[in-house]
Amino acid sequence: MEPTQVVHPWKAAVRTALQAFLAVAAVATMALPIVVEFVEQFWPGSPAVAVIVGAVAFVAALAGLLTRIMAIPAVNDLLTVIGLGAEPKL
């Protein structure tokens, strides 16, 4: 029986992307007011905030892509050999 990450790789990728987005967005939300104040003080009108928002989306998409790649059966088999597969090494 194949692990669910291998059977439904897109679901695993979307879940991981959502988890990464929520985690990074939570940190960015806490740090954003401080960053905005700093940026506005030294570089008024800078697009730094937009870059930070874009970085949050990029990190989430990258996490989803990496999860999708790791769900490819051959990659999962390799990960299993080193003890990081979707199912524990027997």
PDB file of N, CA and C in Angstrom:
ATOM      1  N   MET A   1       0.839  -1.179   0.000  1.00  0.00           N
ATOM      2  CA  MET A   1       0.000   0.000   0.000  1.00  0.00           C
ATOM      3  C   MET A   1       0.889   1.251   0.000  1.00  0.00           C
ATOM      4  N   GLU A   2       0.607   2.163  -0.910  1.00  0.00           N
ATOM      5  CA  GLU A   2       1.387   3.386  -1.043  1.00  0.00           C
ATOM      6  C   GLU A   2       0.952   4.409   0.007  1.00  0.00           C
ATOM      7  N   PRO A   3       1.896   5.227   0.503  1.00  0.00           N
ATOM      8  CA  PRO A   3       1.519   6.297   1.434  1.00  0.00           C
ATOM      9  C   PRO A   3       0.619   7.321   0.732  1.00  0.00           C
ATOM     10  N   THR A   4      -0.192   8.008   1.496  1.00  0.00           N
ATOM     11  CA  THR A   4      -1.144   8.957   0.897  1.00  0.00           C
ATOM     12  C   THR A   4      -0.436  10.088   0.167  1.00  0.00           C
ATOM     13  N   GLN A   5       0.770  10.467   0.597  1.00  0.00           N
ATOM     14  CA  GLN A   5       1.499  11.529  -0.094  1.00  0.00           C
ATOM     15  C   GLN A   5       1.851  11.108  -1.515  1.00  0.00           C
ATOM     16  N   VAL A   6       2.103   9.827  -1.722  1.00  0.00           N
ATOM     17  CA  VAL A   6       2.441   9.314  -3.049  1.00  0.00           C
ATOM     18  C   VAL A   6       1.172   9.098  -3.869  1.00  0.00           C
ATOM     19  N   VAL A   7       0.111   8.639  -3.241  1.00  0.00           N
ATOM     20  CA  VAL A   7      -1.153   8.385  -3.938  1.00  0.00           C
ATOM     21  C   VAL A   7      -1.817   9.701  -4.358  1.00  0.00           C
ATOM     22  N   HIS A   8      -1.792  10.690  -3.483  1.00  0.00           N
ATOM     23  CA  HIS A   8      -2.415  11.996  -3.756  1.00  0.00           C
ATOM     24  C   HIS A   8      -1.376  13.106  -3.569  1.00  0.00           C
ATOM     25  N   PRO A   9      -0.385  13.191  -4.472  1.00  0.00           N
ATOM     26  CA  PRO A   9       0.705  14.145  -4.272  1.00  0.00           C
ATOM     27  C   PRO A   9       0.265  15.600  -4.298  1.00  0.00           C
ATOM     28  N   TRP A  10      -0.744  15.929  -5.110  1.00  0.00           N
ATOM     29  CA  TRP A  10      -1.166  17.328  -5.175  1.00  0.00           C
ATOM     30  C   TRP A  10      -1.846  17.777  -3.891  1.00  0.00           C
ATOM     31  N   LYS A  11      -2.568  16.879  -3.247  1.00  0.00           N
ATOM     32  CA  LYS A  11      -3.185  17.237  -1.968  1.00  0.00           C
ATOM     33  C   LYS A  11      -2.114  17.519  -0.924  1.00  0.00           C
ATOM     34  N   ALA A  12      -1.081  16.680  -0.897  1.00  0.00           N
ATOM     35  CA  ALA A  12       0.015  16.888   0.049  1.00  0.00           C
ATOM     36  C   ALA A  12       0.726  18.210  -0.238  1.00  0.00           C
ATOM     37  N   ALA A  13       0.934  18.512  -1.515  1.00  0.00           N
ATOM     38  CA  ALA A  13       1.612  19.749  -1.895  1.00  0.00           C
ATOM     39  C   ALA A  13       0.795  20.979  -1.507  1.00  0.00           C
ATOM     40  N   VAL A  14      -0.499  20.937  -1.756  1.00  0.00           N
ATOM     41  CA  VAL A  14      -1.359  22.074  -1.417  1.00  0.00           C
ATOM     42  C   VAL A  14      -1.431  22.257   0.097  1.00  0.00           C
ATOM     43  N   ARG A  15      -1.533  21.147   0.845  1.00  0.00           N
ATOM     44  CA  ARG A  15      -1.551  21.239   2.312  1.00  0.00           C
ATOM     45  C   ARG A  15      -0.262  21.872   2.828  1.00  0.00           C
ATOM     46  N   THR A  16       0.862  21.433   2.288  1.00  0.00           N
ATOM     47  CA  THR A  16       2.139  21.973   2.729  1.00  0.00           C
ATOM     48  C   THR A  16       2.270  23.447   2.366  1.00  0.00           C
ATOM     49  N   ALA A  17       1.860  23.811   1.167  1.00  0.00           N
ATOM     50  CA  ALA A  17       1.914  25.217   0.756  1.00  0.00           C
ATOM     51  C   ALA A  17       1.050  26.080   1.674  1.00  0.00           C
ATOM     52  N   LEU A  18      -0.130  25.586   2.005  1.00  0.00           N
ATOM     53  CA  LEU A  18      -1.013  26.325   2.905  1.00  0.00           C
ATOM     54  C   LEU A  18      -0.397  26.456   4.297  1.00  0.00           C
ATOM     55  N   GLN A  19       0.185  25.385   4.798  1.00  0.00           N
ATOM     56  CA  GLN A  19       0.836  25.431   6.107  1.00  0.00           C
ATOM     57  C   GLN A  19       1.993  26.420   6.110  1.00  0.00           C
ATOM     58  N   ALA A  20       2.807  26.378   5.073  1.00  0.00           N
ATOM     59  CA  ALA A  20       3.945  27.295   4.986  1.00  0.00           C
ATOM     60  C   ALA A  20       3.460  28.736   4.874  1.00  0.00           C
ATOM     61  N   PHE A  21       2.439  28.955   4.055  1.00  0.00           N
ATOM     62  CA  PHE A  21       1.899  30.304   3.902  1.00  0.00           C
ATOM     63  C   PHE A  21       1.394  30.845   5.233  1.00  0.00           C
ATOM     64  N   LEU A  22       0.631  30.036   5.955  1.00  0.00           N
ATOM     65  CA  LEU A  22       0.084  30.494   7.235  1.00  0.00           C
ATOM     66  C   LEU A  22       1.190  30.788   8.242  1.00  0.00           C
ATOM     67  N   ALA A  23       2.215  29.937   8.286  1.00  0.00           N
ATOM     68  CA  ALA A  23       3.314  30.157   9.229  1.00  0.00           C
ATOM     69  C   ALA A  23       4.102  31.413   8.881  1.00  0.00           C
ATOM     70  N   VAL A  24       4.471  31.559   7.615  1.00  0.00           N
ATOM     71  CA  VAL A  24       5.260  32.723   7.212  1.00  0.00           C
ATOM     72  C   VAL A  24       4.407  33.994   7.292  1.00  0.00           C
ATOM     73  N   ALA A  25       3.142  33.905   6.936  1.00  0.00           N
ATOM     74  CA  ALA A  25       2.265  35.067   7.017  1.00  0.00           C
ATOM     75  C   ALA A  25       2.082  35.522   8.460  1.00  0.00           C
ATOM     76  N   ALA A  26       2.022  34.586   9.395  1.00  0.00           N
ATOM     77  CA  ALA A  26       1.891  34.955  10.806  1.00  0.00           C
ATOM     78  C   ALA A  26       3.122  35.729  11.277  1.00  0.00           C
ATOM     79  N   VAL A  27       4.289  35.247  10.911  1.00  0.00           N
ATOM     80  CA  VAL A  27       5.523  35.948  11.294  1.00  0.00           C
ATOM     81  C   VAL A  27       5.598  37.298  10.598  1.00  0.00           C
ATOM     82  N   ALA A  28       5.276  37.332   9.305  1.00  0.00           N
ATOM     83  CA  ALA A  28       5.320  38.590   8.558  1.00  0.00           C
ATOM     84  C   ALA A  28       4.323  39.601   9.115  1.00  0.00           C
ATOM     85  N   THR A  29       3.166  39.132   9.528  1.00  0.00           N
ATOM     86  CA  THR A  29       2.153  40.026  10.086  1.00  0.00           C
ATOM     87  C   THR A  29       2.652  40.687  11.369  1.00  0.00           C
ATOM     88  N   MET A  30       3.368  39.924  12.177  1.00  0.00           N
ATOM     89  CA  MET A  30       3.908  40.495  13.409  1.00  0.00           C
ATOM     90  C   MET A  30       5.053  41.463  13.122  1.00  0.00           C
ATOM     91  N   ALA A  31       5.878  41.149  12.132  1.00  0.00           N
ATOM     92  CA  ALA A  31       7.058  41.959  11.843  1.00  0.00           C
ATOM     93  C   ALA A  31       6.763  43.127  10.903  1.00  0.00           C
ATOM     94  N   LEU A  32       5.690  43.039  10.131  1.00  0.00           N
ATOM     95  CA  LEU A  32       5.428  44.041   9.103  1.00  0.00           C
ATOM     96  C   LEU A  32       5.336  45.473   9.640  1.00  0.00           C
ATOM     97  N   PRO A  33       4.627  45.733  10.730  1.00  0.00           N
ATOM     98  CA  PRO A  33       4.577  47.119  11.214  1.00  0.00           C
ATOM     99  C   PRO A  33       5.968  47.683  11.548  1.00  0.00           C
ATOM    100  N   ILE A  34       6.819  46.876  12.107  1.00  0.00           N
ATOM    101  CA  ILE A  34       8.171  47.321  12.447  1.00  0.00           C
ATOM    102  C   ILE A  34       8.964  47.592  11.174  1.00  0.00           C
ATOM    103  N   VAL A  35       8.845  46.689  10.216  1.00  0.00           N
ATOM    104  CA  VAL A  35       9.561  46.839   8.950  1.00  0.00           C
ATOM    105  C   VAL A  35       9.056  48.069   8.205  1.00  0.00           C
ATOM    106  N   VAL A  36       7.753  48.255   8.151  1.00  0.00           N
ATOM    107  CA  VAL A  36       7.178  49.408   7.451  1.00  0.00           C
ATOM    108  C   VAL A  36       7.679  50.711   8.074  1.00  0.00           C
ATOM    109  N   GLU A  37       7.674  50.779   9.387  1.00  0.00           N
ATOM    110  CA  GLU A  37       8.150  51.989  10.066  1.00  0.00           C
ATOM    111  C   GLU A  37       9.614  52.259   9.735  1.00  0.00           C
ATOM    112  N   PHE A  38      10.422  51.218   9.777  1.00  0.00           N
ATOM    113  CA  PHE A  38      11.847  51.363   9.481  1.00  0.00           C
ATOM    114  C   PHE A  38      12.068  51.796   8.035  1.00  0.00           C
ATOM    115  N   VAL A  39      11.393  51.121   7.119  1.00  0.00           N
ATOM    116  CA  VAL A  39      11.555  51.429   5.692  1.00  0.00           C
ATOM    117  C   VAL A  39      11.100  52.849   5.389  1.00  0.00           C
ATOM    118  N   GLU A  40       9.964  53.252   5.913  1.00  0.00           N
ATOM    119  CA  GLU A  40       9.447  54.602   5.671  1.00  0.00           C
ATOM    120  C   GLU A  40      10.366  55.677   6.249  1.00  0.00           C
ATOM    121  N   GLN A  41      11.040  55.357   7.340  1.00  0.00           N
ATOM    122  CA  GLN A  41      11.952  56.321   7.955  1.00  0.00           C
ATOM    123  C   GLN A  41      13.168  56.559   7.062  1.00  0.00           C
ATOM    124  N   PHE A  42      13.707  55.515   6.484  1.00  0.00           N
ATOM    125  CA  PHE A  42      14.939  55.633   5.713  1.00  0.00           C
ATOM    126  C   PHE A  42      14.728  55.678   4.199  1.00  0.00           C
ATOM    127  N   TRP A  43      13.690  55.031   3.700  1.00  0.00           N
ATOM    128  CA  TRP A  43      13.424  54.985   2.261  1.00  0.00           C
ATOM    129  C   TRP A  43      11.941  55.203   1.992  1.00  0.00           C
ATOM    130  N   PRO A  44      11.480  56.434   2.127  1.00  0.00           N
ATOM    131  CA  PRO A  44      10.044  56.697   1.894  1.00  0.00           C
ATOM    132  C   PRO A  44       9.616  56.268   0.483  1.00  0.00           C
ATOM    133  N   GLY A  45       8.454  55.644   0.419  1.00  0.00           N
ATOM    134  CA  GLY A  45       7.910  55.217  -0.860  1.00  0.00           C
ATOM    135  C   GLY A  45       8.539  53.947  -1.418  1.00  0.00           C
ATOM    136  N   SER A  46       9.345  53.275  -0.616  1.00  0.00           N
ATOM    137  CA  SER A  46      10.013  52.052  -1.071  1.00  0.00           C
ATOM    138  C   SER A  46       9.001  50.919  -1.249  1.00  0.00           C
ATOM    139  N   PRO A  47       9.246  50.027  -2.225  1.00  0.00           N
ATOM    140  CA  PRO A  47       8.355  48.888  -2.426  1.00  0.00           C
ATOM    141  C   PRO A  47       8.682  47.701  -1.508  1.00  0.00           C
ATOM    142  N   ALA A  48       9.377  47.939  -0.415  1.00  0.00           N
ATOM    143  CA  ALA A  48       9.823  46.853   0.463  1.00  0.00           C
ATOM    144  C   ALA A  48       8.663  46.013   0.987  1.00  0.00           C
ATOM    145  N   VAL A  49       7.560  46.638   1.316  1.00  0.00           N
ATOM    146  CA  VAL A  49       6.408  45.889   1.834  1.00  0.00           C
ATOM    147  C   VAL A  49       5.872  44.934   0.776  1.00  0.00           C
ATOM    148  N   ALA A  50       5.786  45.396  -0.453  1.00  0.00           N
ATOM    149  CA  ALA A  50       5.318  44.527  -1.542  1.00  0.00           C
ATOM    150  C   ALA A  50       6.290  43.372  -1.751  1.00  0.00           C
ATOM    151  N   VAL A  51       7.579  43.632  -1.602  1.00  0.00           N
ATOM    152  CA  VAL A  51       8.577  42.578  -1.743  1.00  0.00           C
ATOM    153  C   VAL A  51       8.398  41.539  -0.637  1.00  0.00           C
ATOM    154  N   ILE A  52       8.120  41.979   0.574  1.00  0.00           N
ATOM    155  CA  ILE A  52       7.909  41.049   1.691  1.00  0.00           C
ATOM    156  C   ILE A  52       6.672  40.188   1.436  1.00  0.00           C
ATOM    157  N   VAL A  53       5.596  40.802   0.982  1.00  0.00           N
ATOM    158  CA  VAL A  53       4.375  40.051   0.670  1.00  0.00           C
ATOM    159  C   VAL A  53       4.654  39.042  -0.443  1.00  0.00           C
ATOM    160  N   GLY A  54       5.388  39.452  -1.446  1.00  0.00           N
ATOM    161  CA  GLY A  54       5.757  38.537  -2.526  1.00  0.00           C
ATOM    162  C   GLY A  54       6.620  37.396  -2.025  1.00  0.00           C
ATOM    163  N   ALA A  55       7.514  37.693  -1.084  1.00  0.00           N
ATOM    164  CA  ALA A  55       8.380  36.657  -0.514  1.00  0.00           C
ATOM    165  C   ALA A  55       7.560  35.619   0.248  1.00  0.00           C
ATOM    166  N   VAL A  56       6.535  36.060   0.958  1.00  0.00           N
ATOM    167  CA  VAL A  56       5.655  35.133   1.683  1.00  0.00           C
ATOM    168  C   VAL A  56       4.995  34.176   0.694  1.00  0.00           C
ATOM    169  N   ALA A  57       4.466  34.717  -0.395  1.00  0.00           N
ATOM    170  CA  ALA A  57       3.822  33.869  -1.413  1.00  0.00           C
ATOM    171  C   ALA A  57       4.839  32.933  -2.059  1.00  0.00           C
ATOM    172  N   PHE A  58       6.047  33.426  -2.313  1.00  0.00           N
ATOM    173  CA  PHE A  58       7.085  32.605  -2.930  1.00  0.00           C
ATOM    174  C   PHE A  58       7.476  31.441  -2.030  1.00  0.00           C
ATOM    175  N   VAL A  59       7.664  31.699  -0.750  1.00  0.00           N
ATOM    176  CA  VAL A  59       8.046  30.638   0.195  1.00  0.00           C
ATOM    177  C   VAL A  59       6.964  29.564   0.245  1.00  0.00           C
ATOM    178  N   ALA A  60       5.700  29.977   0.281  1.00  0.00           N
ATOM    179  CA  ALA A  60       4.606  29.006   0.313  1.00  0.00           C
ATOM    180  C   ALA A  60       4.572  28.174  -0.968  1.00  0.00           C
ATOM    181  N   ALA A  61       4.749  28.821  -2.117  1.00  0.00           N
ATOM    182  CA  ALA A  61       4.743  28.090  -3.386  1.00  0.00           C
ATOM    183  C   ALA A  61       5.936  27.138  -3.473  1.00  0.00           C
ATOM    184  N   LEU A  62       7.087  27.580  -3.014  1.00  0.00           N
ATOM    185  CA  LEU A  62       8.276  26.735  -3.033  1.00  0.00           C
ATOM    186  C   LEU A  62       8.106  25.515  -2.128  1.00  0.00           C
ATOM    187  N   ALA A  63       7.523  25.717  -0.961  1.00  0.00           N
ATOM    188  CA  ALA A  63       7.267  24.586  -0.055  1.00  0.00           C
ATOM    189  C   ALA A  63       6.321  23.576  -0.702  1.00  0.00           C
ATOM    190  N   GLY A  64       5.299  24.069  -1.374  1.00  0.00           N
ATOM    191  CA  GLY A  64       4.368  23.177  -2.074  1.00  0.00           C
ATOM    192  C   GLY A  64       5.055  22.423  -3.195  1.00  0.00           C
ATOM    193  N   LEU A  65       5.903  23.109  -3.960  1.00  0.00           N
ATOM    194  CA  LEU A  65       6.630  22.459  -5.051  1.00  0.00           C
ATOM    195  C   LEU A  65       7.558  21.369  -4.523  1.00  0.00           C
ATOM    196  N   LEU A  66       8.298  21.672  -3.467  1.00  0.00           N
ATOM    197  CA  LEU A  66       9.202  20.675  -2.891  1.00  0.00           C
ATOM    198  C   LEU A  66       8.437  19.464  -2.362  1.00  0.00           C
ATOM    199  N   THR A  67       7.288  19.698  -1.765  1.00  0.00           N
ATOM    200  CA  THR A  67       6.457  18.591  -1.288  1.00  0.00           C
ATOM    201  C   THR A  67       5.989  17.737  -2.455  1.00  0.00           C
ATOM    202  N   ARG A  68       5.602  18.383  -3.544  1.00  0.00           N
ATOM    203  CA  ARG A  68       5.153  17.647  -4.735  1.00  0.00           C
ATOM    204  C   ARG A  68       6.286  16.802  -5.301  1.00  0.00           C
ATOM    205  N   ILE A  69       7.479  17.356  -5.352  1.00  0.00           N
ATOM    206  CA  ILE A  69       8.638  16.603  -5.851  1.00  0.00           C
ATOM    207  C   ILE A  69       8.933  15.422  -4.934  1.00  0.00           C
ATOM    208  N   MET A  70       8.847  15.633  -3.629  1.00  0.00           N
ATOM    209  CA  MET A  70       9.127  14.549  -2.686  1.00  0.00           C
ATOM    210  C   MET A  70       8.069  13.458  -2.731  1.00  0.00           C
ATOM    211  N   ALA A  71       6.905  13.748  -3.307  1.00  0.00           N
ATOM    212  CA  ALA A  71       5.844  12.746  -3.409  1.00  0.00           C
ATOM    213  C   ALA A  71       5.977  11.879  -4.661  1.00  0.00           C
ATOM    214  N   ILE A  72       6.911  12.192  -5.539  1.00  0.00           N
ATOM    215  CA  ILE A  72       7.162  11.340  -6.710  1.00  0.00           C
ATOM    216  C   ILE A  72       7.668   9.997  -6.174  1.00  0.00           C
ATOM    217  N   PRO A  73       7.099   8.887  -6.631  1.00  0.00           N
ATOM    218  CA  PRO A  73       7.479   7.588  -6.066  1.00  0.00           C
ATOM    219  C   PRO A  73       8.986   7.329  -6.017  1.00  0.00           C
ATOM    220  N   ALA A  74       9.712   7.650  -7.071  1.00  0.00           N
ATOM    221  CA  ALA A  74      11.164   7.401  -7.077  1.00  0.00           C
ATOM    222  C   ALA A  74      11.878   8.249  -6.023  1.00  0.00           C
ATOM    223  N   VAL A  75      11.441   9.485  -5.871  1.00  0.00           N
ATOM    224  CA  VAL A  75      12.039  10.367  -4.860  1.00  0.00           C
ATOM    225  C   VAL A  75      11.676   9.869  -3.467  1.00  0.00           C
ATOM    226  N   ASN A  76      10.425   9.459  -3.287  1.00  0.00           N
ATOM    227  CA  ASN A  76      10.008   8.925  -1.988  1.00  0.00           C
ATOM    228  C   ASN A  76      10.790   7.662  -1.645  1.00  0.00           C
ATOM    229  N   ASP A  77      11.057   6.824  -2.659  1.00  0.00           N
ATOM    230  CA  ASP A  77      11.863   5.623  -2.416  1.00  0.00           C
ATOM    231  C   ASP A  77      13.261   5.999  -1.944  1.00  0.00           C
ATOM    232  N   LEU A  78      13.849   7.004  -2.586  1.00  0.00           N
ATOM    233  CA  LEU A  78      15.182   7.467  -2.172  1.00  0.00           C
ATOM    234  C   LEU A  78      15.132   8.025  -0.750  1.00  0.00           C
ATOM    235  N   LEU A  79      14.115   8.806  -0.463  1.00  0.00           N
ATOM    236  CA  LEU A  79      13.968   9.360   0.891  1.00  0.00           C
ATOM    237  C   LEU A  79      13.772   8.250   1.922  1.00  0.00           C
ATOM    238  N   THR A  80      13.079   7.180   1.540  1.00  0.00           N
ATOM    239  CA  THR A  80      12.875   6.051   2.443  1.00  0.00           C
ATOM    240  C   THR A  80      14.200   5.381   2.776  1.00  0.00           C
ATOM    241  N   VAL A  81      15.089   5.283   1.797  1.00  0.00           N
ATOM    242  CA  VAL A  81      16.409   4.670   2.021  1.00  0.00           C
ATOM    243  C   VAL A  81      17.172   5.423   3.109  1.00  0.00           C
ATOM    244  N   ILE A  82      17.032   6.746   3.130  1.00  0.00           N
ATOM    245  CA  ILE A  82      17.755   7.527   4.142  1.00  0.00           C
ATOM    246  C   ILE A  82      16.917   7.813   5.388  1.00  0.00           C
ATOM    247  N   GLY A  83      15.736   7.176   5.464  1.00  0.00           N
ATOM    248  CA  GLY A  83      14.905   7.299   6.652  1.00  0.00           C
ATOM    249  C   GLY A  83      13.967   8.495   6.673  1.00  0.00           C
ATOM    250  N   LEU A  84      13.751   9.138   5.524  1.00  0.00           N
ATOM    251  CA  LEU A  84      12.879  10.316   5.480  1.00  0.00           C
ATOM    252  C   LEU A  84      11.672  10.129   4.568  1.00  0.00           C
ATOM    253  N   GLY A  85      11.357   8.893   4.213  1.00  0.00           N
ATOM    254  CA  GLY A  85      10.228   8.617   3.318  1.00  0.00           C
ATOM    255  C   GLY A  85       8.892   8.842   3.991  1.00  0.00           C
ATOM    256  N   ALA A  86       7.838   8.804   3.189  1.00  0.00           N
ATOM    257  CA  ALA A  86       6.485   8.998   3.716  1.00  0.00           C
ATOM    258  C   ALA A  86       6.076   7.878   4.654  1.00  0.00           C
ATOM    259  N   GLU A  87       6.628   6.701   4.431  1.00  0.00           N
ATOM    260  CA  GLU A  87       6.392   5.567   5.347  1.00  0.00           C
ATOM    261  C   GLU A  87       7.707   5.213   6.005  1.00  0.00           C
ATOM    262  N   PRO A  88       7.656   4.786   7.245  1.00  0.00           N
ATOM    263  CA  PRO A  88       8.899   4.406   7.912  1.00  0.00           C
ATOM    264  C   PRO A  88       9.614   3.274   7.187  1.00  0.00           C
ATOM    265  N   LYS A  89      10.926   3.303   7.217  1.00  0.00           N
ATOM    266  CA  LYS A  89      11.758   2.264   6.613  1.00  0.00           C
ATOM    267  C   LYS A  89      11.543   0.966   7.401  1.00  0.00           C
ATOM    268  N   LEU A  90      11.288  -0.135   6.700  1.00  0.00           N
ATOM    269  CA  LEU A  90      11.047  -1.413   7.377  1.00  0.00           C
ATOM    270  C   LEU A  90      12.335  -2.133   7.682  1.00  0.00           C
TER     271      LEU A  90
END
